[in-house]
Protein backbone atom coordinates (compact mmCIF):
# COMPACT_ATOMS: atom_id res chain seq x y z
CA MET A 1 134.05 76.61 9.76
CA ARG A 2 136.47 79.19 8.38
CA PRO A 3 135.48 82.77 7.54
CA ASP A 4 136.49 82.17 3.91
CA ASP A 5 133.99 79.31 3.65
CA VAL A 6 131.11 81.65 4.50
CA LEU A 7 132.48 84.50 2.38
CA GLN A 8 132.67 82.19 -0.63
CA VAL A 9 128.94 81.43 -0.32
CA LEU A 10 128.05 85.10 0.27
CA ARG A 11 130.08 86.31 -2.72
CA ALA A 12 128.88 83.68 -5.21
CA ARG A 13 127.27 85.15 -8.29
CA PRO A 14 124.50 84.75 -8.87
CA PHE A 15 123.79 84.78 -5.14
CA GLN A 16 122.11 81.61 -3.86
CA PRO A 17 120.07 82.03 -0.63
CA PHE A 18 121.30 79.66 2.08
CA ARG A 19 120.67 78.37 5.58
CA ILE A 20 123.24 78.31 8.40
CA SER A 21 122.86 75.40 10.85
CA LEU A 22 124.42 75.62 14.30
CA SER A 23 125.55 72.94 16.73
CA ASP A 24 122.63 73.75 19.10
CA GLY A 25 120.13 72.98 16.33
CA LYS A 26 119.22 76.59 15.50
CA GLN A 27 119.05 77.61 11.86
CA TYR A 28 119.12 81.00 10.18
CA GLU A 29 118.29 81.84 6.58
CA VAL A 30 120.35 84.32 4.59
CA ARG A 31 118.17 85.42 1.67
CA HIS A 32 120.26 88.46 0.66
CA PRO A 33 124.05 88.83 0.92
CA GLU A 34 123.59 92.26 2.52
CA ILE A 35 122.13 90.81 5.74
CA ALA A 36 125.23 88.82 6.76
CA ILE A 37 128.58 90.14 7.97
CA VAL A 38 131.55 87.82 8.42
CA SER A 39 134.32 88.47 10.94
CA ARG A 40 137.28 86.29 11.93
CA SER A 41 135.23 84.31 14.46
CA THR A 42 131.55 85.09 13.86
CA VAL A 43 128.83 85.70 11.31
CA LEU A 44 126.24 88.36 12.10
CA VAL A 45 122.89 87.56 10.51
CA GLY A 46 120.06 90.07 10.26
CA ILE A 47 116.62 88.68 11.03
CA PRO A 48 113.91 90.30 8.85
CA GLY A 49 111.20 92.34 10.53
CA PRO A 50 107.46 92.43 9.77
CA ARG A 51 108.02 93.84 6.26
CA GLY A 52 109.97 90.74 5.27
CA PRO A 53 113.34 90.47 3.57
CA ASP A 54 112.97 93.79 1.72
CA GLY A 55 112.42 95.82 4.90
CA PRO A 56 114.74 96.62 7.79
CA VAL A 57 116.05 93.82 9.99
CA GLU A 58 114.31 93.33 13.33
CA LYS A 59 117.33 91.98 15.19
CA VAL A 60 120.81 90.63 14.60
CA VAL A 61 122.06 87.24 15.79
CA THR A 62 125.69 86.31 16.24
CA CYS A 63 126.74 82.87 15.00
CA ALA A 64 130.16 81.69 16.18
CA LEU A 65 132.02 80.08 13.28
CA VAL A 66 133.07 77.15 15.50
CA HIS A 67 129.37 76.33 16.00
CA ILE A 68 128.37 76.39 12.33
CA THR A 69 127.90 72.76 11.37
CA ARG A 70 126.49 73.22 7.91
CA ILE A 71 125.66 75.74 5.22
CA GLU A 72 123.11 74.61 2.66
CA ALA A 73 121.37 76.25 -0.24
CA LEU A 74 117.70 76.84 0.44
CA ASP A 75 116.85 74.55 -2.47
CA GLY A 76 118.44 71.73 -0.40
CA ALA A 77 121.83 71.42 -2.15
CA SER A 78 124.75 71.58 0.29
CA THR A 79 127.14 74.46 -0.29
CA ALA A 80 129.65 73.91 2.54
CA THR A 81 130.13 71.65 5.57
């Protein structure tokens, strides 16, 4: 996946929460555009802590763009592949 593909989903207005699926089967939800940072080769995704999506993130995971197999809206509609 290209960085611009992820940025397009993050910058869509109104923002639509989405799920990133990786080649190893892991999935991460991005419920707010502020918890994801896109670089040339990775996406950093903040994982919410005990206070949920409105509190601070508990940890950050790094998703290599080459391992992102799918981005889909949380309502089930595909946004990018």
